[in-house]
Amino acid sequence: MAAAADDGSPATTGATTGVDELREACGVFGCMTTGDWPSHLDIAHIVSLGLVGLQHRGQESAGIVTSDGGTNNMAVHKGMGLVSQVFTEENLKKLKGNLGIGHTRYSTAGQSELVNCQPFVVETLHGLIAVAHNGELVNANPLRQKVLKRGVGLSSGSDSELITQLLSLSPPECEAKGPDWPARIRQLMTETWTAYSLVVMHGDKIFGVRDPFGNRPLSIGKLISRPGGSDSESKSDSGECEGWVISSESCSFQAVGAVYHREVLPGEIVEISKDGVKSKGIVPRPNNALPAFCIFEYVYFARADSILEGQMVYTVRKRCGYQLAKEAPVEADIVSTVPESATPAAMGFSEQSGIPYVEVLTKNRYVGRTFIQPSMRLRQLGVTKKFGALTENFKGKRIVIVDDSIVRGNTMGPIVRLLKTAGAKEVHIRVASPPIKHPCYMGINIPTKEELIANKLSAEKLAHYLGANSVVYLTVNGLVSAVQEGISTEGDVGHCTACLTGKYPINLEW
């Protein structure tokens, strides 16, 4: 059973890249202006800034599609690389319109091709449709066969193109008055339950869609005018509305001058137009199942300032540190972390344990990611070149290093050696998430079971392998309780922990 990448193509296991990081996949963003059209707002710049705010979710390629609100006119620009590399002032000027959507994609070895760049644009009987997608369809192959049997060709292995083509097919009901896009989207959602968040643009509307299990995040923001035009003035939701934005994460809102409005609910279809945001209904989950929001959005993927389920990610990570200190106490002199995603957990561990938090590593931000190095030796050199030891802060002391996760163990070993060589008396590893033991088939590029270090070594043997004095993980119950303690949204609460427990929210079809 082969996993698929976020774009629907067969996922690499990471064996060729040696990645010791979980890779989330993609970010989607959309913007709709209100008031008179043509709008005075620069749609292309707003969408590009939104994508910059989502750059942590995808660094391989980026794309933007804009429209003036007609059904037969869309401007498209896509390319390989970071958002700042793909979009220049010159090509942004060509992306005119009153609404637009964008996408940024994570690198997956063997799939780094322009053909997989999103958003996808397809011509239908009712005009052009553009789709950007974050996630992975668990039953992509049967759906692909359905499309092919209808005589429709597919130009890539992408789930996103498949979704676009499925939406182009008419729903079972007759459409006497033109295309009923919410009905088509509902039909799609009943044929594939997870995992996806979508932004769909047609004519003068953008539809935001979140799968019935809510596995991938999606939030709505409100563009508010700045009184007096001062960039320094704070914004509130009471100002004049200039438009609406929709994004994989709310962290992108501030950069475009928007304020958080709300999340798209699991199974919900929202219609965004110049008149505002309307809910077009919720598709229920089968068998009254609970939602299955990816718990690793809190652990690793989401930016710390994003709001998920009514709570800030930073706060949840800090609670994970509190819980970890309760479950895995240790006698030590200082608590620290590998910069930077685990810093809130380390601070929480410090506060709960009473052991002071001290930085022991400094990060060289201009060294490439460790997983792109072509050999194990160069990868390990990449780790030591990426971090410098702040020797005077820890020489002769017992250190607790808090990390957010351990995938293969390639990264932590060189760091432990670096610290001990620089004079650390002891190095204890505390992991603010449980052991990762199972692959993900819903949009996260997790290696095969055989490559996951937690399936090879117990915590005690892992400590010996890494050269650490001890290794302890947070328990599954501890992680779930830390996440769910602060949830303030209404409705059922549930999280996907399949990569930790092997219990997937739905049967997988291949």
Protein backbone atom coordinates (compact mmCIF):
# COMPACT_ATOMS: atom_id res chain seq x y z
CA MET A 1 0.00 0.00 0.00
CA ALA A 2 1.81 3.10 -1.24
CA ALA A 3 1.24 6.43 0.38
CA ALA A 4 0.57 9.42 -1.78
CA ALA A 5 2.06 12.87 -1.49
CA ASP A 6 -0.04 15.91 -0.73
CA ASP A 7 -0.46 16.63 -4.40
CA GLY A 8 -1.75 13.12 -4.99
CA SER A 9 1.40 11.71 -6.53
CA PRO A 10 3.15 8.71 -4.97
CA ALA A 11 5.00 9.88 -1.91
CA THR A 12 8.65 9.24 -1.38
CA THR A 13 9.49 7.56 1.86
CA GLY A 14 12.31 9.94 2.46
CA ALA A 15 14.94 7.28 1.96
CA THR A 16 16.60 9.27 -0.77
CA THR A 17 16.53 12.50 1.17
CA GLY A 18 17.07 11.19 4.68
CA VAL A 19 14.62 13.73 6.02
CA ASP A 20 14.38 13.71 9.81
CA GLU A 21 11.51 16.15 9.73
CA LEU A 22 7.81 15.66 9.10
CA ARG A 23 6.78 17.44 5.93
CA GLU A 24 3.31 18.89 5.86
CA ALA A 25 2.62 19.61 2.29
CA CYS A 26 0.81 22.73 1.18
CA GLY A 27 -0.82 26.02 2.01
CA VAL A 28 -3.85 27.58 0.31
CA PHE A 29 -4.94 31.21 0.30
CA GLY A 30 -7.75 33.22 -1.29
CA CYS A 31 -8.90 36.84 -1.33
CA MET A 32 -12.18 38.48 -2.32
CA THR A 33 -12.65 42.26 -2.45
CA THR A 34 -15.90 43.95 -1.49
CA GLY A 35 -17.37 47.24 -2.65
CA ASP A 36 -17.28 48.52 -6.20
CA TRP A 37 -15.34 46.62 -8.84
CA PRO A 38 -12.74 47.09 -10.22
CA SER A 39 -11.31 47.17 -6.73
CA HIS A 40 -8.65 49.57 -5.54
CA LEU A 41 -7.01 46.69 -3.65
CA ASP A 42 -4.08 44.90 -5.26
CA ILE A 43 -5.29 41.30 -5.22
CA ALA A 44 -2.05 39.79 -6.50
CA HIS A 45 0.05 41.43 -3.78
CA ILE A 46 -2.41 40.42 -1.06
CA VAL A 47 -2.40 36.79 -2.18
CA SER A 48 1.40 36.73 -2.54
CA LEU A 49 1.83 38.15 0.98
CA GLY A 50 -0.65 35.57 2.25
CA LEU A 51 1.45 32.83 0.67
CA VAL A 52 4.60 34.25 2.28
CA GLY A 53 2.82 33.81 5.62
CA LEU A 54 2.25 30.15 4.69
CA GLN A 55 5.77 29.56 3.37
CA HIS A 56 6.53 27.15 6.22
CA ARG A 57 3.87 24.82 4.75
CA GLY A 58 5.40 24.67 1.28
CA GLN A 59 8.72 25.68 -0.24
CA GLU A 60 8.89 23.93 -3.57
CA SER A 61 6.53 25.89 -5.79
CA ALA A 62 3.93 28.62 -5.70
CA GLY A 63 1.11 29.85 -7.89
CA ILE A 64 -1.55 32.56 -8.07
CA VAL A 65 -4.71 32.79 -10.17
CA THR A 66 -6.73 36.04 -10.31
CA SER A 67 -10.03 36.95 -11.92
CA ASP A 68 -12.05 40.08 -12.62
CA GLY A 69 -15.20 38.16 -11.69
CA GLY A 70 -16.11 36.92 -15.14
CA THR A 71 -16.32 33.26 -16.06
CA ASN A 72 -13.85 33.24 -18.95
CA ASN A 73 -10.96 35.39 -17.82
CA MET A 74 -8.30 34.25 -15.36
CA ALA A 75 -4.68 35.36 -15.07
CA VAL A 76 -2.23 32.67 -13.95
CA HIS A 77 1.39 32.64 -12.83
CA LYS A 78 3.10 29.58 -11.33
CA GLY A 79 6.70 28.59 -10.79
CA MET A 80 9.24 26.57 -8.86
CA GLY A 81 10.83 27.97 -5.72
CA LEU A 82 9.93 30.21 -2.80
CA VAL A 83 7.13 32.75 -3.11
CA SER A 84 9.67 35.59 -3.27
CA GLN A 85 11.46 33.81 -6.11
CA VAL A 86 8.37 32.97 -8.14
CA PHE A 87 6.68 36.38 -7.97
CA THR A 88 8.27 39.65 -9.02
CA GLU A 89 6.77 43.11 -9.26
CA GLU A 90 6.61 42.67 -13.02
CA ASN A 91 4.61 39.45 -13.07
CA LEU A 92 2.42 40.53 -10.14
CA LYS A 93 1.30 43.56 -12.16
CA LYS A 94 -0.08 41.17 -14.78
CA LEU A 95 -2.25 39.38 -12.23
CA LYS A 96 -5.12 41.87 -12.17
CA GLY A 97 -8.54 41.18 -10.74
CA ASN A 98 -11.03 41.49 -7.93
CA LEU A 99 -10.54 38.03 -6.48
CA GLY A 100 -7.78 35.45 -6.47
CA ILE A 101 -6.45 32.25 -4.97
CA GLY A 102 -2.93 30.98 -4.37
CA HIS A 103 -1.01 27.90 -3.35
CA THR A 104 2.41 26.99 -2.01
CA ARG A 105 3.71 23.44 -2.09
CA TYR A 106 6.30 21.44 -0.18
CA SER A 107 9.18 19.71 -1.88
CA THR A 108 8.84 15.98 -2.53
CA ALA A 109 11.73 14.21 -4.23
CA GLY A 110 10.86 13.06 -7.75
CA GLN A 111 7.82 15.33 -7.97
CA SER A 112 9.56 18.68 -8.28
CA GLU A 113 7.93 19.60 -11.57
CA LEU A 114 6.02 22.59 -12.87
CA VAL A 115 3.16 20.32 -13.96
CA ASN A 116 2.30 19.73 -10.28
CA CYS A 117 2.21 23.43 -9.36
CA GLN A 118 -1.14 24.74 -8.20
CA PRO A 119 -3.71 26.24 -8.47
CA PHE A 120 -5.11 24.13 -11.30
CA VAL A 121 -7.29 25.89 -13.87
CA VAL A 122 -9.71 23.91 -16.06
CA GLU A 123 -12.13 25.10 -18.73
CA THR A 124 -15.68 23.80 -18.22
CA LEU A 125 -18.98 24.24 -20.09
CA HIS A 126 -19.72 27.00 -17.59
CA GLY A 127 -16.41 28.84 -17.76
CA LEU A 128 -13.06 28.54 -16.03
CA ILE A 129 -12.63 27.00 -12.59
CA ALA A 130 -9.50 27.23 -10.43
CA VAL A 131 -8.74 24.94 -7.48
CA ALA A 132 -6.03 24.93 -4.79
CA HIS A 133 -5.81 21.95 -2.47
CA ASN A 134 -4.12 20.96 0.78
CA GLY A 135 -4.37 17.32 1.78
CA GLU A 136 -4.54 13.88 0.23
CA LEU A 137 -7.52 11.87 -0.96
CA VAL A 138 -7.52 8.47 0.75
CA ASN A 139 -9.46 6.94 -2.17
CA ALA A 140 -7.71 8.72 -5.04
CA ASN A 141 -7.31 5.65 -7.26
CA PRO A 142 -11.03 4.74 -7.53
CA LEU A 143 -11.84 8.38 -8.19
CA ARG A 144 -9.14 8.57 -10.84
CA GLN A 145 -10.69 5.56 -12.59
CA LYS A 146 -14.09 7.22 -12.47
CA VAL A 147 -12.76 10.32 -14.21
CA LEU A 148 -10.85 8.34 -16.82
CA LYS A 149 -13.92 6.22 -17.61
CA ARG A 150 -15.80 9.43 -18.36
CA GLY A 151 -13.28 10.07 -21.13
CA VAL A 152 -11.45 12.83 -19.25
CA GLY A 153 -7.66 12.84 -19.48
CA LEU A 154 -5.41 13.70 -16.54
CA SER A 155 -2.14 15.49 -17.22
CA SER A 156 -0.51 14.83 -13.83
CA GLY A 157 -0.62 12.47 -10.88
CA SER A 158 -2.07 15.22 -8.72
CA ASP A 159 -5.04 14.86 -6.40
CA SER A 160 -5.66 18.54 -7.02
CA GLU A 161 -6.16 18.06 -10.75
CA LEU A 162 -8.41 15.09 -9.98
CA ILE A 163 -10.55 17.25 -7.66
CA THR A 164 -10.77 19.94 -10.34
CA GLN A 165 -11.96 17.44 -12.93
CA LEU A 166 -14.47 15.87 -10.54
CA LEU A 167 -15.98 19.29 -9.86
CA SER A 168 -16.27 19.84 -13.59
CA LEU A 169 -18.54 16.79 -13.88
CA SER A 170 -22.22 17.52 -13.30
CA PRO A 171 -23.78 16.29 -10.05
CA PRO A 172 -26.59 13.71 -10.19
CA GLU A 173 -29.30 16.39 -10.04
CA CYS A 174 -30.19 18.27 -13.20
CA GLU A 175 -28.78 21.80 -13.35
CA ALA A 176 -31.52 23.61 -15.22
CA LYS A 177 -30.31 27.08 -14.21
CA GLY A 178 -26.59 26.67 -14.69
CA PRO A 179 -23.91 25.08 -12.51
CA ASP A 180 -24.71 24.53 -8.84
CA TRP A 181 -21.19 24.58 -7.42
CA PRO A 182 -22.18 23.90 -3.79
CA ALA A 183 -24.10 20.81 -5.00
CA ARG A 184 -21.07 19.66 -6.99
CA ILE A 185 -18.83 20.18 -3.99
CA ARG A 186 -21.23 18.23 -1.74
CA GLN A 187 -21.22 15.41 -4.27
CA LEU A 188 -17.42 15.38 -4.19
CA MET A 189 -17.39 15.35 -0.39
CA THR A 190 -19.70 12.34 -0.20
CA GLU A 191 -17.40 10.46 -2.58
CA THR A 192 -14.18 11.23 -0.67
CA TRP A 193 -14.39 11.90 3.07
CA THR A 194 -10.85 13.08 3.72
CA ALA A 195 -8.29 14.66 3.66
CA TYR A 196 -8.54 18.10 2.08
CA SER A 197 -9.05 21.78 2.47
CA LEU A 198 -9.91 23.53 -0.78
CA VAL A 199 -10.31 26.97 -2.22
CA VAL A 200 -12.34 26.92 -5.44
CA MET A 201 -12.77 29.99 -7.67
CA HIS A 202 -15.41 30.36 -10.36
CA GLY A 203 -16.88 33.56 -11.72
CA ASP A 204 -17.33 36.10 -8.94
CA LYS A 205 -17.17 33.63 -6.04
CA ILE A 206 -14.62 31.71 -4.00
CA PHE A 207 -15.71 28.56 -2.16
CA GLY A 208 -13.85 27.38 0.92
CA VAL A 209 -14.18 23.67 1.66
CA ARG A 210 -13.03 21.54 4.55
CA ASP A 211 -13.46 17.77 4.52
CA PRO A 212 -16.08 16.25 6.86
CA PHE A 213 -13.39 15.02 9.27
CA GLY A 214 -11.72 18.45 9.33
CA ASN A 215 -8.31 16.85 8.94
CA ARG A 216 -6.65 19.93 7.41
CA PRO A 217 -7.10 23.48 8.77
CA LEU A 218 -8.84 26.39 7.02
CA SER A 219 -9.64 29.84 8.44
CA ILE A 220 -11.45 32.99 7.30
CA GLY A 221 -10.19 36.53 7.85
CA LYS A 222 -11.70 39.97 7.31
CA LEU A 223 -9.81 42.75 5.52
CA ILE A 224 -10.39 45.93 7.51
CA SER A 225 -9.62 49.45 6.32
CA ARG A 226 -7.07 51.38 8.35
CA PRO A 227 -8.45 54.68 9.65
CA GLY A 228 -6.20 57.46 8.42
CA GLY A 229 -4.11 54.96 6.46
CA SER A 230 -1.53 54.58 9.24
CA ASP A 231 0.32 51.29 9.12
CA SER A 232 1.09 51.59 12.83
CA GLU A 233 -2.52 51.66 13.98
CA SER A 234 -3.98 48.51 15.42
CA LYS A 235 -6.92 46.91 13.68
CA SER A 236 -10.18 45.66 15.06
CA ASP A 237 -13.10 43.77 13.60
CA SER A 238 -15.24 46.92 13.83
CA GLY A 239 -13.60 48.74 10.91
CA GLU A 240 -14.93 49.01 7.38
CA CYS A 241 -14.73 45.68 5.54
CA GLU A 242 -12.67 45.87 2.36
CA GLY A 243 -12.69 42.19 1.60
CA TRP A 244 -12.32 38.65 2.85
CA VAL A 245 -9.42 36.22 2.94
CA ILE A 246 -9.31 32.47 3.46
CA SER A 247 -6.16 30.64 4.44
CA SER A 248 -4.75 27.34 5.67
CA GLU A 249 -3.62 29.25 8.76
CA SER A 250 -4.61 32.50 10.42
CA CYS A 251 -0.94 33.48 10.84
CA SER A 252 -1.05 34.92 7.30
CA PHE A 253 -3.82 37.42 8.13
CA GLN A 254 -1.83 40.12 9.92
CA ALA A 255 0.61 40.56 7.02
CA VAL A 256 -2.24 41.36 4.61
CA GLY A 257 -4.14 43.66 7.00
CA ALA A 258 -6.83 41.18 7.98
CA VAL A 259 -8.27 40.07 11.31
CA TYR A 260 -9.30 36.57 12.28
CA HIS A 261 -13.00 35.93 11.66
CA ARG A 262 -13.56 32.20 12.19
CA GLU A 263 -12.59 28.70 11.13
CA VAL A 264 -14.31 26.80 8.38
CA LEU A 265 -15.99 23.94 10.24
CA PRO A 266 -15.37 20.28 9.42
CA GLY A 267 -17.54 19.37 6.44
CA GLU A 268 -18.52 22.98 5.79
CA ILE A 269 -18.79 24.73 2.43
CA VAL A 270 -18.52 28.52 2.60
CA GLU A 271 -19.27 30.86 -0.27
CA ILE A 272 -17.29 34.10 -0.36
CA SER A 273 -18.51 36.91 -2.60
CA LYS A 274 -18.35 40.68 -2.68
CA ASP A 275 -21.46 40.56 -0.47
CA GLY A 276 -19.76 38.61 2.30
CA VAL A 277 -19.35 35.07 3.64
CA LYS A 278 -22.22 32.59 3.60
CA SER A 279 -22.27 29.03 4.87
CA LYS A 280 -23.73 26.70 2.26
CA GLY A 281 -24.16 23.82 4.67
CA ILE A 282 -22.19 21.06 6.35
CA VAL A 283 -21.70 17.55 5.01
CA PRO A 284 -21.94 15.16 8.00
CA ARG A 285 -19.37 12.50 8.76
CA PRO A 286 -20.28 8.87 8.17
CA ASN A 287 -21.53 6.81 11.11
CA ASN A 288 -21.60 9.85 13.42
CA ALA A 289 -17.82 9.69 13.68
CA LEU A 290 -15.87 12.33 15.57
CA PRO A 291 -13.76 14.92 13.73
CA ALA A 292 -10.16 13.93 12.99
CA PHE A 293 -8.15 17.15 12.91
CA CYS A 294 -4.45 16.37 12.47
CA ILE A 295 -2.92 16.63 15.95
CA PHE A 296 0.53 17.29 14.46
CA GLU A 297 -0.65 20.70 13.29
CA TYR A 298 -0.26 21.62 16.95
CA VAL A 299 2.97 19.70 17.48
CA TYR A 300 4.95 20.80 14.45
CA PHE A 301 3.28 22.02 11.25
CA ALA A 302 1.34 25.16 12.14
CA ARG A 303 3.07 28.43 12.92
CA ALA A 304 3.04 29.27 16.61
CA ASP A 305 0.87 32.38 16.19
CA SER A 306 -1.92 30.59 14.31
CA ILE A 307 -5.35 30.05 15.87
CA LEU A 308 -6.68 26.49 15.64
CA GLU A 309 -9.93 25.40 17.28
CA GLY A 310 -10.10 28.70 19.13
CA GLN A 311 -6.65 28.49 20.73
CA MET A 312 -3.19 29.71 19.82
CA VAL A 313 -0.73 27.04 18.74
CA TYR A 314 2.01 28.55 20.93
CA THR A 315 -0.13 28.06 24.05
CA VAL A 316 -0.84 24.43 23.20
CA ARG A 317 2.85 23.70 22.67
CA LYS A 318 3.62 25.25 26.02
CA ARG A 319 0.98 23.03 27.67
CA CYS A 320 2.65 20.03 26.03
CA GLY A 321 5.82 21.09 27.84
CA TYR A 322 3.94 21.32 31.14
CA GLN A 323 2.55 17.83 30.64
CA LEU A 324 5.93 16.43 29.59
CA ALA A 325 7.55 17.76 32.76
CA LYS A 326 4.86 16.02 34.84
CA GLU A 327 5.24 12.72 33.00
CA ALA A 328 9.03 12.68 32.63
CA PRO A 329 10.78 14.54 35.46
CA VAL A 330 14.56 14.58 35.53
CA GLU A 331 17.29 16.04 37.72
CA ALA A 332 19.06 18.67 35.65
CA ASP A 333 20.54 22.16 35.79
CA ILE A 334 19.04 23.77 32.68
CA VAL A 335 16.30 23.20 30.13
CA SER A 336 16.83 24.10 26.48
CA THR A 337 15.74 23.20 22.98
CA VAL A 338 16.79 22.77 19.40
CA PRO A 339 15.62 26.07 17.85
CA GLU A 340 12.86 26.86 17.18
CA SER A 341 9.56 24.96 16.90
CA ALA A 342 10.02 23.22 20.27
CA THR A 343 10.86 26.43 22.17
CA PRO A 344 7.34 26.88 23.66
CA ALA A 345 7.36 23.27 24.91
CA ALA A 346 10.80 23.77 26.45
CA MET A 347 9.62 26.91 28.23
CA GLY A 348 6.57 25.04 29.52
CA PHE A 349 8.81 22.21 30.75
CA SER A 350 11.00 24.78 32.50
CA GLU A 351 8.10 26.52 34.22
CA GLN A 352 6.52 23.27 35.41
CA SER A 353 9.78 21.69 36.59
CA GLY A 354 11.35 24.81 38.06
CA ILE A 355 14.54 24.20 36.08
CA PRO A 356 15.70 27.42 34.38
CA TYR A 357 15.43 27.76 30.61
CA VAL A 358 18.77 28.65 29.00
CA GLU A 359 19.75 28.73 25.33
CA VAL A 360 22.50 26.26 24.48
CA LEU A 361 22.42 26.44 20.69
CA THR A 362 22.45 29.31 18.23
CA LYS A 363 21.06 28.80 14.75
CA ASN A 364 22.72 29.72 11.47
CA ARG A 365 19.68 30.68 9.41
CA TYR A 366 21.58 30.66 6.14
CA VAL A 367 22.38 26.96 6.04
CA GLY A 368 20.03 24.86 3.91
CA ARG A 369 17.67 22.31 5.39
CA THR A 370 19.36 19.10 6.51
CA PHE A 371 17.13 16.82 4.46
CA ILE A 372 18.36 18.14 1.09
CA GLN A 373 21.93 16.96 1.63
CA PRO A 374 22.80 14.09 -0.73
CA SER A 375 24.64 11.81 1.69
CA MET A 376 24.52 10.84 5.36
CA ARG A 377 27.95 12.40 6.01
CA LEU A 378 26.94 15.70 4.47
CA ARG A 379 23.59 15.63 6.27
CA GLN A 380 25.34 15.23 9.60
CA LEU A 381 27.77 18.00 8.73
CA GLY A 382 24.74 20.06 7.80
CA VAL A 383 23.38 19.62 11.33
CA THR A 384 26.61 20.78 12.97
CA LYS A 385 26.98 23.68 10.56
CA LYS A 386 23.39 24.69 11.24
CA PHE A 387 23.91 25.11 14.99
CA GLY A 388 26.63 26.61 17.14
CA ALA A 389 27.16 25.72 20.80
CA LEU A 390 26.82 28.50 23.41
CA THR A 391 29.45 26.79 25.54
CA GLU A 392 29.57 29.23 28.46
CA ASN A 393 25.84 28.64 29.10
CA PHE A 394 26.12 24.93 29.78
CA LYS A 395 29.69 23.73 30.31
CA GLY A 396 29.77 21.24 33.19
CA LYS A 397 25.96 21.25 33.50
CA ARG A 398 23.18 18.70 33.06
CA ILE A 399 20.96 19.69 30.14
CA VAL A 400 17.39 18.74 29.26
CA ILE A 401 16.86 19.17 25.53
CA VAL A 402 13.17 19.38 24.58
CA ASP A 403 12.34 18.54 20.97
CA ASP A 404 8.95 18.43 19.26
CA SER A 405 9.42 15.05 17.55
CA ILE A 406 11.97 12.44 16.53
CA VAL A 407 11.40 10.78 13.14
CA ARG A 408 14.56 8.93 12.11
CA GLY A 409 16.97 10.18 14.76
CA ASN A 410 19.46 11.51 12.22
CA THR A 411 19.41 15.05 13.59
CA MET A 412 19.44 14.58 17.36
CA GLY A 413 22.54 12.36 17.54
CA PRO A 414 24.93 14.97 16.10
CA ILE A 415 23.40 17.62 18.39
CA VAL A 416 23.97 15.47 21.48
CA ARG A 417 27.57 14.90 20.40
CA LEU A 418 28.02 18.61 19.76
CA LEU A 419 26.80 19.49 23.27
CA LYS A 420 28.83 16.81 25.04
CA THR A 421 31.98 17.66 23.08
CA ALA A 422 31.46 21.30 24.08
CA GLY A 423 31.35 20.37 27.78
CA ALA A 424 27.84 19.29 28.75
CA LYS A 425 27.94 16.93 31.75
CA GLU A 426 24.70 15.14 30.82
CA VAL A 427 22.17 15.48 27.99
CA HIS A 428 18.61 14.24 28.56
CA ILE A 429 16.13 14.25 25.67
CA ARG A 430 12.46 14.95 26.29
CA VAL A 431 10.13 14.75 23.28
CA ALA A 432 6.93 16.83 23.36
CA SER A 433 5.02 14.26 21.30
CA PRO A 434 4.61 10.47 21.40
CA PRO A 435 6.70 8.09 19.27
CA ILE A 436 5.79 8.21 15.57
CA LYS A 437 5.21 4.60 14.51
CA HIS A 438 2.88 4.64 11.51
CA PRO A 439 2.77 6.30 8.08
CA CYS A 440 0.27 9.03 7.29
CA TYR A 441 -1.99 8.66 4.26
CA MET A 442 -3.71 12.01 4.64
CA GLY A 443 -1.18 14.52 3.43
CA ILE A 444 1.88 14.24 5.68
CA ASN A 445 5.02 12.75 4.20
CA ILE A 446 5.95 10.37 7.02
CA PRO A 447 8.47 7.60 6.20
CA THR A 448 7.59 3.93 6.11
CA LYS A 449 7.21 1.99 9.37
CA GLU A 450 10.60 0.38 8.78
CA GLU A 451 12.36 3.75 8.65
CA LEU A 452 10.75 5.23 11.76
CA ILE A 453 13.23 5.08 14.63
CA ALA A 454 10.48 4.39 17.20
CA ASN A 455 9.77 1.06 15.48
CA LYS A 456 13.42 0.04 15.71
CA LEU A 457 14.50 1.14 19.18
CA SER A 458 12.90 1.47 22.57
CA ALA A 459 13.40 4.77 24.37
CA GLU A 460 16.24 3.26 26.38
CA LYS A 461 18.02 1.90 23.31
CA LEU A 462 17.37 5.17 21.46
CA ALA A 463 19.15 7.08 24.23
CA HIS A 464 22.20 4.85 23.75
CA TYR A 465 21.99 5.26 19.97
CA LEU A 466 21.86 9.07 20.26
CA GLY A 467 24.52 9.23 22.96
CA ALA A 468 22.04 10.79 25.39
CA ASN A 469 21.66 9.98 29.06
CA SER A 470 17.91 9.39 28.69
CA VAL A 471 15.04 9.77 26.22
CA VAL A 472 11.37 10.04 27.23
CA TYR A 473 8.39 10.80 24.98
CA LEU A 474 5.12 12.48 25.87
CA THR A 475 2.28 9.93 26.04
CA VAL A 476 -0.60 9.92 23.57
CA ASN A 477 -3.07 10.69 26.37
CA GLY A 478 -0.82 13.50 27.55
CA LEU A 479 -0.69 15.07 24.10
CA VAL A 480 -4.44 14.77 23.55
CA SER A 481 -5.24 16.29 26.95
CA ALA A 482 -2.83 19.17 26.38
CA VAL A 483 -4.42 19.90 23.00
CA GLN A 484 -8.04 19.56 24.04
CA GLU A 485 -7.76 21.48 27.32
CA GLY A 486 -8.08 24.88 25.67
CA ILE A 487 -10.43 24.22 22.75
CA SER A 488 -13.18 26.83 22.70
CA THR A 489 -15.01 26.00 19.47
CA GLU A 490 -18.52 24.54 19.51
CA GLY A 491 -19.42 21.06 18.38
CA ASP A 492 -17.72 17.69 18.58
CA VAL A 493 -13.99 17.50 19.23
CA GLY A 494 -11.68 14.85 17.84
CA HIS A 495 -8.14 14.51 16.52
CA CYS A 496 -6.31 12.19 14.19
CA THR A 497 -3.51 10.35 15.99
CA ALA A 498 -3.04 7.67 13.31
CA CYS A 499 0.72 8.19 12.99
CA LEU A 500 1.00 7.52 16.72
CA THR A 501 -1.59 4.78 17.25
CA GLY A 502 -2.23 3.26 13.82
CA LYS A 503 -5.96 4.02 14.19
CA TYR A 504 -7.00 5.82 11.02
CA PRO A 505 -10.25 7.80 11.00
CA ILE A 506 -11.53 6.00 7.90
CA ASN A 507 -10.82 2.86 5.92
CA LEU A 508 -8.15 3.44 3.31
CA GLU A 509 -8.96 2.62 -0.31
CA TRP A 510 -6.20 1.96 -2.83
